[in-house]
Amino acid sequence: VGVRVQIRLAGFFVLVALAATSGLARASTDACPGNPNALGTSRVLTISPDEFKGIGSMQYKQTLPLNDHEVVITFDDGPLPPYSNIILDTLASQCVKATYFLIGRMAHEYPSIVRRIYNAGHSIGTHTENHPLALQRLPLQRVASEVETGVASVDVALGNPKALSPFFRIPGLARNDAIDNYLTSKSLVTWSADVVADDWFRHISAKAIVQRAMRRLEAKGRGILLLHDIHPATATALPMLLQELKTRGFHVVQVVATGDRPKFLPDQVASPAAEKTAWPTVLRTKRF
């Protein structure tokens, strides 16, 4: 009997030790190295094109199933140095994961940044090849070319087509039913947004971006936030925005697509195109 008691006690302490170790592992995984007060990413939401066609309450009846005070952070139009890199540094410092909608020709110009985005753990979708304004006015054949060429360009930049998520955002949110139906036929989830921060305005300040984003998020209670990683004002605003989200009790949710994706892509040496101006930029911005 004594031996049995000892064995049971030994087993109990082993289970306790394993549970404690497991708890430590979770804590270590959830912690943000070097920043114990980071905003972090609270959970991962996995979605499928079979379940979601068009998402974002600005244009569609359906949006993501978020809880109160949950936000999904998205970036359009990149990559573009130095702003994309600054934004990636900020996200990494807070252990925040986002979803990127990349323009094909920008991905072609800066494949090293595309792979950096992926290897940092962010989800990558597409945003056409050339970002035509008023996509809804183009013939459907031209729309298809923009979409498919954009996907191909990002695939090449990633170096592995399995790395790309089946996520798409229409430039300028310029949708119509024909475009939506085409995107659905390609098994792409079309993203609109729930909240915008007007960060594409030419003379908007970083402080105004934060104020508009937070005011609209508070009014909605949750949602998909649309930003752009090609503007200096956005890069300046992001640290303040993440701090405000944490202060006001918001939690970041990362969205990923169903299916297996590579854990890591080989780094690519920056292309000579990094010295070019591939996209119009404003070189100065007001912080306040």
C-alpha atoms as a PDB file:
ATOM      1  CA  VAL A   1       0.000   0.000   0.000  1.00  0.00           C
ATOM      2  CA  GLY A   2       2.823   2.343   0.959  1.00  0.00           C
ATOM      3  CA  VAL A   3       4.481   1.762  -2.384  1.00  0.00           C
ATOM      4  CA  ARG A   4       1.220   2.477  -4.232  1.00  0.00           C
ATOM      5  CA  VAL A   5       0.765   5.723  -2.289  1.00  0.00           C
ATOM      6  CA  GLN A   6       4.314   6.760  -3.136  1.00  0.00           C
ATOM      7  CA  ILE A   7       3.766   5.953  -6.823  1.00  0.00           C
ATOM      8  CA  ARG A   8       0.492   7.916  -6.854  1.00  0.00           C
ATOM      9  CA  LEU A   9       2.124  10.860  -5.110  1.00  0.00           C
ATOM     10  CA  ALA A  10       5.045  10.736  -7.496  1.00  0.00           C
ATOM     11  CA  GLY A  11       2.641  10.675 -10.425  1.00  0.00           C
ATOM     12  CA  PHE A  12       0.702  13.584  -8.963  1.00  0.00           C
ATOM     13  CA  PHE A  13       3.828  15.707  -8.601  1.00  0.00           C
ATOM     14  CA  VAL A  14       4.892  14.830 -12.148  1.00  0.00           C
ATOM     15  CA  LEU A  15       1.513  16.025 -13.447  1.00  0.00           C
ATOM     16  CA  VAL A  16       1.811  19.209 -11.393  1.00  0.00           C
ATOM     17  CA  ALA A  17       5.314  19.767 -12.739  1.00  0.00           C
ATOM     18  CA  LEU A  18       4.147  19.171 -16.320  1.00  0.00           C
ATOM     19  CA  ALA A  19       1.220  21.538 -15.865  1.00  0.00           C
ATOM     20  CA  ALA A  20       3.511  24.184 -14.443  1.00  0.00           C
ATOM     21  CA  THR A  21       5.964  23.710 -17.309  1.00  0.00           C
ATOM     22  CA  SER A  22       3.116  23.930 -19.810  1.00  0.00           C
ATOM     23  CA  GLY A  23       1.886  27.124 -18.188  1.00  0.00           C
ATOM     24  CA  LEU A  24       5.367  28.610 -18.333  1.00  0.00           C
ATOM     25  CA  ALA A  25       5.645  27.674 -21.991  1.00  0.00           C
ATOM     26  CA  ARG A  26       2.364  29.415 -22.752  1.00  0.00           C
ATOM     27  CA  ALA A  27       3.424  32.458 -20.799  1.00  0.00           C
ATOM     28  CA  SER A  28       6.735  32.524 -22.632  1.00  0.00           C
ATOM     29  CA  THR A  29       4.991  32.182 -25.997  1.00  0.00           C
ATOM     30  CA  ASP A  30       2.478  34.904 -25.191  1.00  0.00           C
ATOM     31  CA  ALA A  31       5.034  37.304 -23.760  1.00  0.00           C
ATOM     32  CA  CYS A  32       6.650  39.945 -25.956  1.00  0.00           C
ATOM     33  CA  PRO A  33      10.445  39.683 -25.684  1.00  0.00           C
ATOM     34  CA  GLY A  34      11.894  42.881 -24.313  1.00  0.00           C
ATOM     35  CA  ASN A  35       8.487  44.476 -23.782  1.00  0.00           C
ATOM     36  CA  PRO A  36       6.372  42.946 -21.002  1.00  0.00           C
ATOM     37  CA  ASN A  37       3.836  45.769 -21.377  1.00  0.00           C
ATOM     38  CA  ALA A  38       3.305  45.239 -25.098  1.00  0.00           C
ATOM     39  CA  LEU A  39      -0.148  45.304 -26.668  1.00  0.00           C
ATOM     40  CA  GLY A  40       0.458  41.882 -28.225  1.00  0.00           C
ATOM     41  CA  THR A  41      -1.894  39.783 -30.326  1.00  0.00           C
ATOM     42  CA  SER A  42      -4.705  38.319 -28.268  1.00  0.00           C
ATOM     43  CA  ARG A  43      -5.892  35.551 -30.588  1.00  0.00           C
ATOM     44  CA  VAL A  44      -5.820  34.163 -34.121  1.00  0.00           C
ATOM     45  CA  LEU A  45      -8.994  33.904 -36.195  1.00  0.00           C
ATOM     46  CA  THR A  46      -8.886  31.382 -39.056  1.00  0.00           C
ATOM     47  CA  ILE A  47     -11.268  31.966 -41.955  1.00  0.00           C
ATOM     48  CA  SER A  48     -12.068  30.211 -45.223  1.00  0.00           C
ATOM     49  CA  PRO A  49     -13.259  31.548 -48.604  1.00  0.00           C
ATOM     50  CA  ASP A  50     -16.051  28.981 -48.301  1.00  0.00           C
ATOM     51  CA  GLU A  51     -17.429  30.849 -45.283  1.00  0.00           C
ATOM     52  CA  PHE A  52     -16.541  34.452 -46.093  1.00  0.00           C
ATOM     53  CA  LYS A  53     -17.029  36.196 -49.439  1.00  0.00           C
ATOM     54  CA  GLY A  54     -17.048  39.908 -48.701  1.00  0.00           C
ATOM     55  CA  ILE A  55     -16.245  41.235 -45.223  1.00  0.00           C
ATOM     56  CA  GLY A  56     -16.321  44.705 -43.703  1.00  0.00           C
ATOM     57  CA  SER A  57     -19.412  46.620 -42.631  1.00  0.00           C
ATOM     58  CA  MET A  58     -18.542  49.686 -44.700  1.00  0.00           C
ATOM     59  CA  GLN A  59     -19.714  47.785 -47.793  1.00  0.00           C
ATOM     60  CA  TYR A  60     -20.919  44.293 -46.883  1.00  0.00           C
ATOM     61  CA  LYS A  61     -23.523  42.797 -44.598  1.00  0.00           C
ATOM     62  CA  GLN A  62     -20.953  40.355 -43.247  1.00  0.00           C
ATOM     63  CA  THR A  63     -17.858  41.210 -41.250  1.00  0.00           C
ATOM     64  CA  LEU A  64     -15.481  39.252 -39.057  1.00  0.00           C
ATOM     65  CA  PRO A  65     -16.876  37.644 -35.894  1.00  0.00           C
ATOM     66  CA  LEU A  66     -15.045  39.881 -33.462  1.00  0.00           C
ATOM     67  CA  ASN A  67     -15.793  40.349 -29.798  1.00  0.00           C
ATOM     68  CA  ASP A  68     -16.256  43.722 -28.170  1.00  0.00           C
ATOM     69  CA  HIS A  69     -13.045  45.790 -28.251  1.00  0.00           C
ATOM     70  CA  GLU A  70     -11.286  43.524 -30.742  1.00  0.00           C
ATOM     71  CA  VAL A  71      -9.535  45.044 -33.732  1.00  0.00           C
ATOM     72  CA  VAL A  72      -7.937  43.624 -36.871  1.00  0.00           C
ATOM     73  CA  ILE A  73      -5.186  45.901 -38.215  1.00  0.00           C
ATOM     74  CA  THR A  74      -4.677  45.970 -41.990  1.00  0.00           C
ATOM     75  CA  PHE A  75      -2.283  47.816 -44.296  1.00  0.00           C
ATOM     76  CA  ASP A  76      -2.706  48.592 -48.003  1.00  0.00           C
ATOM     77  CA  ASP A  77      -0.506  49.735 -50.897  1.00  0.00           C
ATOM     78  CA  GLY A  78       2.974  48.581 -49.866  1.00  0.00           C
ATOM     79  CA  PRO A  79       5.626  47.645 -49.595  1.00  0.00           C
ATOM     80  CA  LEU A  80       7.565  50.903 -49.725  1.00  0.00           C
ATOM     81  CA  PRO A  81      10.791  51.726 -47.870  1.00  0.00           C
ATOM     82  CA  PRO A  82      11.457  53.248 -45.478  1.00  0.00           C
ATOM     83  CA  TYR A  83       7.888  53.440 -44.183  1.00  0.00           C
ATOM     84  CA  SER A  84       7.016  49.751 -44.502  1.00  0.00           C
ATOM     85  CA  ASN A  85      10.165  48.853 -42.573  1.00  0.00           C
ATOM     86  CA  ILE A  86       9.456  51.423 -39.855  1.00  0.00           C
ATOM     87  CA  ILE A  87       5.944  50.048 -39.459  1.00  0.00           C
ATOM     88  CA  LEU A  88       7.253  46.482 -39.294  1.00  0.00           C
ATOM     89  CA  ASP A  89       9.684  47.536 -36.555  1.00  0.00           C
ATOM     90  CA  THR A  90       6.836  49.112 -34.580  1.00  0.00           C
ATOM     91  CA  LEU A  91       4.595  46.063 -34.931  1.00  0.00           C
ATOM     92  CA  ALA A  92       7.451  43.780 -33.866  1.00  0.00           C
ATOM     93  CA  SER A  93       8.183  45.909 -30.801  1.00  0.00           C
ATOM     94  CA  GLN A  94       4.567  45.418 -29.670  1.00  0.00           C
ATOM     95  CA  CYS A  95       4.243  41.802 -30.900  1.00  0.00           C
ATOM     96  CA  VAL A  96       1.249  42.813 -33.004  1.00  0.00           C
ATOM     97  CA  LYS A  97       0.288  40.840 -36.117  1.00  0.00           C
ATOM     98  CA  ALA A  98      -1.462  42.496 -39.046  1.00  0.00           C
ATOM     99  CA  THR A  99      -2.824  41.710 -42.502  1.00  0.00           C
ATOM    100  CA  TYR A 100      -1.162  43.261 -45.541  1.00  0.00           C
ATOM    101  CA  PHE A 101      -2.692  43.865 -48.968  1.00  0.00           C
ATOM    102  CA  LEU A 102       0.250  44.313 -51.320  1.00  0.00           C
ATOM    103  CA  ILE A 103       0.318  45.898 -54.750  1.00  0.00           C
ATOM    104  CA  GLY A 104       1.900  43.574 -57.301  1.00  0.00           C
ATOM    105  CA  ARG A 105       4.337  46.034 -58.822  1.00  0.00           C
ATOM    106  CA  MET A 106       5.445  47.183 -55.378  1.00  0.00           C
ATOM    107  CA  ALA A 107       6.071  43.577 -54.382  1.00  0.00           C
ATOM    108  CA  HIS A 108       8.100  43.162 -57.577  1.00  0.00           C
ATOM    109  CA  GLU A 109      10.199  46.219 -56.683  1.00  0.00           C
ATOM    110  CA  TYR A 110      10.802  45.244 -53.064  1.00  0.00           C
ATOM    111  CA  PRO A 111      10.667  41.446 -52.669  1.00  0.00           C
ATOM    112  CA  SER A 112      12.961  41.522 -49.638  1.00  0.00           C
ATOM    113  CA  ILE A 113      10.362  43.545 -47.718  1.00  0.00           C
ATOM    114  CA  VAL A 114       7.600  41.185 -48.856  1.00  0.00           C
ATOM    115  CA  ARG A 115       9.494  38.272 -47.335  1.00  0.00           C
ATOM    116  CA  ARG A 116      10.235  40.276 -44.224  1.00  0.00           C
ATOM    117  CA  ILE A 117       6.494  40.891 -43.772  1.00  0.00           C
ATOM    118  CA  TYR A 118       5.785  37.195 -44.133  1.00  0.00           C
ATOM    119  CA  ASN A 119       8.622  36.017 -41.892  1.00  0.00           C
ATOM    120  CA  ALA A 120       7.457  38.439 -39.192  1.00  0.00           C
ATOM    121  CA  GLY A 121       4.269  36.381 -39.030  1.00  0.00           C
ATOM    122  CA  HIS A 122       1.839  38.716 -40.774  1.00  0.00           C
ATOM    123  CA  SER A 123      -0.813  37.573 -43.247  1.00  0.00           C
ATOM    124  CA  ILE A 124      -0.368  38.691 -46.855  1.00  0.00           C
ATOM    125  CA  GLY A 125      -3.124  39.292 -49.392  1.00  0.00           C
ATOM    126  CA  THR A 126      -3.160  41.288 -52.632  1.00  0.00           C
ATOM    127  CA  HIS A 127      -4.391  44.654 -53.903  1.00  0.00           C
ATOM    128  CA  THR A 128      -4.122  44.424 -57.750  1.00  0.00           C
ATOM    129  CA  GLU A 129      -0.993  44.908 -59.831  1.00  0.00           C
ATOM    130  CA  ASN A 130      -1.090  48.685 -60.378  1.00  0.00           C
ATOM    131  CA  HIS A 131      -3.723  50.046 -57.981  1.00  0.00           C
ATOM    132  CA  PRO A 132      -6.045  51.478 -60.653  1.00  0.00           C
ATOM    133  CA  LEU A 133      -8.429  54.025 -59.233  1.00  0.00           C
ATOM    134  CA  ALA A 134     -12.087  53.436 -60.089  1.00  0.00           C
ATOM    135  CA  LEU A 135     -11.606  49.720 -60.686  1.00  0.00           C
ATOM    136  CA  GLN A 136     -15.375  49.406 -60.938  1.00  0.00           C
ATOM    137  CA  ARG A 137     -15.321  51.364 -64.220  1.00  0.00           C
ATOM    138  CA  LEU A 138     -12.902  49.036 -65.959  1.00  0.00           C
ATOM    139  CA  PRO A 139     -13.978  46.164 -68.228  1.00  0.00           C
ATOM    140  CA  LEU A 140     -14.104  42.905 -66.298  1.00  0.00           C
ATOM    141  CA  GLN A 141     -11.296  41.515 -68.471  1.00  0.00           C
ATOM    142  CA  ARG A 142      -9.041  44.362 -67.302  1.00  0.00           C
ATOM    143  CA  VAL A 143     -10.112  43.783 -63.694  1.00  0.00           C
ATOM    144  CA  ALA A 144      -9.209  40.104 -64.026  1.00  0.00           C
ATOM    145  CA  SER A 145      -5.802  41.016 -65.447  1.00  0.00           C
ATOM    146  CA  GLU A 146      -5.100  43.418 -62.576  1.00  0.00           C
ATOM    147  CA  VAL A 147      -6.121  40.868 -59.963  1.00  0.00           C
ATOM    148  CA  GLU A 148      -4.338  37.867 -61.461  1.00  0.00           C
ATOM    149  CA  THR A 149      -1.148  39.744 -62.348  1.00  0.00           C
ATOM    150  CA  GLY A 150      -1.049  41.182 -58.839  1.00  0.00           C
ATOM    151  CA  VAL A 151      -1.362  37.725 -57.324  1.00  0.00           C
ATOM    152  CA  ALA A 152       1.382  36.410 -59.621  1.00  0.00           C
ATOM    153  CA  SER A 153       3.736  39.261 -58.721  1.00  0.00           C
ATOM    154  CA  VAL A 154       3.311  38.727 -54.984  1.00  0.00           C
ATOM    155  CA  ASP A 155       3.734  34.963 -55.480  1.00  0.00           C
ATOM    156  CA  VAL A 156       7.068  35.580 -57.205  1.00  0.00           C
ATOM    157  CA  ALA A 157       8.210  37.992 -54.491  1.00  0.00           C
ATOM    158  CA  LEU A 158       7.345  35.453 -51.794  1.00  0.00           C
ATOM    159  CA  GLY A 159       9.006  32.644 -53.715  1.00  0.00           C
ATOM    160  CA  ASN A 160       6.328  30.193 -52.607  1.00  0.00           C
ATOM    161  CA  PRO A 161       2.684  30.436 -53.721  1.00  0.00           C
ATOM    162  CA  LYS A 162       1.569  28.628 -50.572  1.00  0.00           C
ATOM    163  CA  ALA A 163       2.668  31.633 -48.532  1.00  0.00           C
ATOM    164  CA  LEU A 164       0.014  33.927 -50.016  1.00  0.00           C
ATOM    165  CA  SER A 165      -3.392  34.101 -48.317  1.00  0.00           C
ATOM    166  CA  PRO A 166      -6.532  34.177 -50.509  1.00  0.00           C
ATOM    167  CA  PHE A 167      -7.329  37.691 -49.302  1.00  0.00           C
ATOM    168  CA  PHE A 168      -7.999  40.640 -51.610  1.00  0.00           C
ATOM    169  CA  ARG A 169      -8.884  44.297 -51.123  1.00  0.00           C
ATOM    170  CA  ILE A 170     -10.223  46.405 -53.974  1.00  0.00           C
ATOM    171  CA  PRO A 171      -8.268  49.665 -54.480  1.00  0.00           C
ATOM    172  CA  GLY A 172     -10.233  52.557 -53.105  1.00  0.00           C
ATOM    173  CA  LEU A 173     -12.904  50.037 -52.062  1.00  0.00           C
ATOM    174  CA  ALA A 174     -14.355  50.687 -55.536  1.00  0.00           C
ATOM    175  CA  ARG A 175     -16.500  47.552 -55.722  1.00  0.00           C
ATOM    176  CA  ASN A 176     -19.448  46.479 -57.789  1.00  0.00           C
ATOM    177  CA  ASP A 177     -21.368  43.222 -58.024  1.00  0.00           C
ATOM    178  CA  ALA A 178     -19.491  42.034 -61.117  1.00  0.00           C
ATOM    179  CA  ILE A 179     -16.121  42.469 -59.398  1.00  0.00           C
ATOM    180  CA  ASP A 180     -17.369  40.788 -56.236  1.00  0.00           C
ATOM    181  CA  ASN A 181     -18.685  37.822 -58.221  1.00  0.00           C
ATOM    182  CA  TYR A 182     -15.423  37.510 -60.117  1.00  0.00           C
ATOM    183  CA  LEU A 183     -13.375  37.536 -56.912  1.00  0.00           C
ATOM    184  CA  THR A 184     -15.651  34.913 -55.380  1.00  0.00           C
ATOM    185  CA  SER A 185     -15.165  32.733 -58.488  1.00  0.00           C
ATOM    186  CA  LYS A 186     -11.425  32.892 -57.782  1.00  0.00           C
ATOM    187  CA  SER A 187     -11.975  31.771 -54.161  1.00  0.00           C
ATOM    188  CA  LEU A 188     -10.751  35.108 -52.825  1.00  0.00           C
ATOM    189  CA  VAL A 189     -12.112  36.684 -49.655  1.00  0.00           C
ATOM    190  CA  THR A 190     -12.838  40.326 -50.509  1.00  0.00           C
ATOM    191  CA  TRP A 191     -11.962  42.645 -47.637  1.00  0.00           C
ATOM    192  CA  SER A 192     -13.550  46.018 -47.139  1.00  0.00           C
ATOM    193  CA  ALA A 193     -13.225  47.607 -43.684  1.00  0.00           C
ATOM    194  CA  ASP A 194     -15.225  48.616 -40.643  1.00  0.00           C
ATOM    195  CA  VAL A 195     -13.129  51.667 -39.756  1.00  0.00           C
ATOM    196  CA  VAL A 196     -10.811  53.989 -41.663  1.00  0.00           C
ATOM    197  CA  ALA A 197      -8.435  56.608 -40.253  1.00  0.00           C
ATOM    198  CA  ASP A 198      -8.068  58.788 -43.378  1.00  0.00           C
ATOM    199  CA  ASP A 199      -4.304  58.271 -43.277  1.00  0.00           C
ATOM    200  CA  TRP A 200      -4.091  58.718 -47.061  1.00  0.00           C
ATOM    201  CA  PHE A 201      -5.085  62.403 -46.786  1.00  0.00           C
ATOM    202  CA  ARG A 202      -2.218  64.529 -48.029  1.00  0.00           C
ATOM    203  CA  HIS A 203      -1.771  66.836 -45.055  1.00  0.00           C
ATOM    204  CA  ILE A 204      -3.201  64.765 -42.217  1.00  0.00           C
ATOM    205  CA  SER A 205      -1.130  64.676 -39.047  1.00  0.00           C
ATOM    206  CA  ALA A 206      -0.152  61.584 -37.087  1.00  0.00           C
ATOM    207  CA  LYS A 207      -2.209  62.810 -34.133  1.00  0.00           C
ATOM    208  CA  ALA A 208      -5.305  63.204 -36.334  1.00  0.00           C
ATOM    209  CA  ILE A 209      -4.881  59.660 -37.661  1.00  0.00           C
ATOM    210  CA  VAL A 210      -4.856  58.298 -34.114  1.00  0.00           C
ATOM    211  CA  GLN A 211      -7.812  60.428 -33.046  1.00  0.00           C
ATOM    212  CA  ARG A 212      -9.960  59.396 -36.021  1.00  0.00           C
ATOM    213  CA  ALA A 213      -9.082  55.725 -35.705  1.00  0.00           C
ATOM    214  CA  MET A 214      -9.866  55.613 -31.993  1.00  0.00           C
ATOM    215  CA  ARG A 215     -13.040  57.696 -32.212  1.00  0.00           C
ATOM    216  CA  ARG A 216     -14.442  55.443 -34.921  1.00  0.00           C
ATOM    217  CA  LEU A 217     -13.339  52.229 -33.243  1.00  0.00           C
ATOM    218  CA  GLU A 218     -14.945  53.339 -29.983  1.00  0.00           C
ATOM    219  CA  ALA A 219     -18.169  54.122 -31.851  1.00  0.00           C
ATOM    220  CA  LYS A 220     -18.180  50.700 -33.555  1.00  0.00           C
ATOM    221  CA  GLY A 221     -16.870  48.810 -30.546  1.00  0.00           C
ATOM    222  CA  ARG A 222     -14.730  46.532 -32.724  1.00  0.00           C
ATOM    223  CA  GLY A 223     -13.696  46.090 -36.313  1.00  0.00           C
ATOM    224  CA  ILE A 224     -11.296  45.895 -39.229  1.00  0.00           C
ATOM    225  CA  LEU A 225      -9.095  49.004 -39.305  1.00  0.00           C
ATOM    226  CA  LEU A 226      -7.751  50.109 -42.696  1.00  0.00           C
ATOM    227  CA  LEU A 227      -4.343  51.839 -42.783  1.00  0.00           C
ATOM    228  CA  HIS A 228      -1.584  52.296 -45.379  1.00  0.00           C
ATOM    229  CA  ASP A 229       2.072  51.415 -44.861  1.00  0.00           C
ATOM    230  CA  ILE A 230       3.385  53.816 -47.522  1.00  0.00           C
ATOM    231  CA  HIS A 231       2.842  57.116 -45.705  1.00  0.00           C
ATOM    232  CA  PRO A 232       5.196  58.795 -43.228  1.00  0.00           C
ATOM    233  CA  ALA A 233       2.270  60.057 -41.156  1.00  0.00           C
ATOM    234  CA  THR A 234       1.051  56.475 -40.671  1.00  0.00           C
ATOM    235  CA  ALA A 235       4.515  55.311 -39.643  1.00  0.00           C
ATOM    236  CA  THR A 236       4.665  58.152 -37.120  1.00  0.00           C
ATOM    237  CA  ALA A 237       1.140  57.527 -35.853  1.00  0.00           C
ATOM    238  CA  LEU A 238       1.401  53.778 -35.341  1.00  0.00           C
ATOM    239  CA  PRO A 239       3.282  53.741 -31.994  1.00  0.00           C
ATOM    240  CA  MET A 240       0.755  56.203 -30.567  1.00  0.00           C
ATOM    241  CA  LEU A 241      -2.152  54.238 -32.013  1.00  0.00           C
ATOM    242  CA  LEU A 242      -0.997  50.948 -30.497  1.00  0.00           C
ATOM    243  CA  GLN A 243      -0.565  52.626 -27.129  1.00  0.00           C
ATOM    244  CA  GLU A 244      -4.068  54.083 -27.339  1.00  0.00           C
ATOM    245  CA  LEU A 245      -5.512  50.690 -28.228  1.00  0.00           C
ATOM    246  CA  LYS A 246      -3.895  49.177 -25.152  1.00  0.00           C
ATOM    247  CA  THR A 247      -4.916  52.055 -22.889  1.00  0.00           C
ATOM    248  CA  ARG A 248      -8.549  51.802 -23.998  1.00  0.00           C
ATOM    249  CA  GLY A 249      -8.726  48.051 -23.596  1.00  0.00           C
ATOM    250  CA  PHE A 250      -8.681  46.958 -27.228  1.00  0.00           C
ATOM    251  CA  HIS A 251      -7.250  43.578 -28.229  1.00  0.00           C
ATOM    252  CA  VAL A 252      -5.614  42.783 -31.560  1.00  0.00           C
ATOM    253  CA  VAL A 253      -6.831  39.758 -33.502  1.00  0.00           C
ATOM    254  CA  GLN A 254      -4.788  38.254 -36.317  1.00  0.00           C
ATOM    255  CA  VAL A 255      -6.686  36.760 -39.251  1.00  0.00           C
ATOM    256  CA  VAL A 256      -5.228  33.814 -41.147  1.00  0.00           C
ATOM    257  CA  ALA A 257      -6.600  31.672 -43.949  1.00  0.00           C
ATOM    258  CA  THR A 258      -7.238  27.966 -43.720  1.00  0.00           C
ATOM    259  CA  GLY A 259      -4.563  25.729 -45.203  1.00  0.00           C
ATOM    260  CA  ASP A 260      -0.908  24.962 -44.606  1.00  0.00           C
ATOM    261  CA  ARG A 261       1.687  27.657 -45.182  1.00  0.00           C
ATOM    262  CA  PRO A 262       5.469  27.604 -44.894  1.00  0.00           C
ATOM    263  CA  LYS A 263       6.787  28.649 -41.509  1.00  0.00           C
ATOM    264  CA  PHE A 264       9.654  30.633 -42.996  1.00  0.00           C
ATOM    265  CA  LEU A 265      10.846  31.935 -46.362  1.00  0.00           C
ATOM    266  CA  PRO A 266      14.521  32.423 -47.237  1.00  0.00           C
ATOM    267  CA  ASP A 267      15.527  36.056 -46.966  1.00  0.00           C
ATOM    268  CA  GLN A 268      16.154  37.840 -50.223  1.00  0.00           C
ATOM    269  CA  VAL A 269      18.820  40.462 -50.752  1.00  0.00           C
ATOM    270  CA  ALA A 270      17.251  43.878 -51.317  1.00  0.00           C
ATOM    271  CA  SER A 271      16.917  44.661 -55.001  1.00  0.00           C
ATOM    272  CA  PRO A 272      18.601  47.652 -56.677  1.00  0.00           C
ATOM    273  CA  ALA A 273      15.098  49.028 -57.145  1.00  0.00           C
ATOM    274  CA  ALA A 274      15.169  49.991 -53.477  1.00  0.00           C
ATOM    275  CA  GLU A 275      17.035  53.105 -54.573  1.00  0.00           C
ATOM    276  CA  LYS A 276      14.189  54.122 -56.897  1.00  0.00           C
ATOM    277  CA  THR A 277      11.017  55.981 -56.141  1.00  0.00           C
ATOM    278  CA  ALA A 278       8.407  53.399 -57.031  1.00  0.00           C
ATOM    279  CA  TRP A 279       5.392  55.113 -55.517  1.00  0.00           C
ATOM    280  CA  PRO A 280       4.479  58.754 -54.875  1.00  0.00           C
ATOM    281  CA  THR A 281       5.314  59.705 -51.311  1.00  0.00           C
ATOM    282  CA  VAL A 282       5.178  62.726 -49.062  1.00  0.00           C
ATOM    283  CA  LEU A 283       8.572  63.145 -47.463  1.00  0.00           C
ATOM    284  CA  ARG A 284       7.441  65.320 -44.587  1.00  0.00           C
ATOM    285  CA  THR A 285       4.617  64.980 -42.147  1.00  0.00           C
ATOM    286  CA  LYS A 286       3.292  66.737 -39.094  1.00  0.00           C
ATOM    287  CA  ARG A 287       3.307  64.768 -35.875  1.00  0.00           C
ATOM    288  CA  PHE A 288       0.635  66.913 -34.240  1.00  0.00           C
END
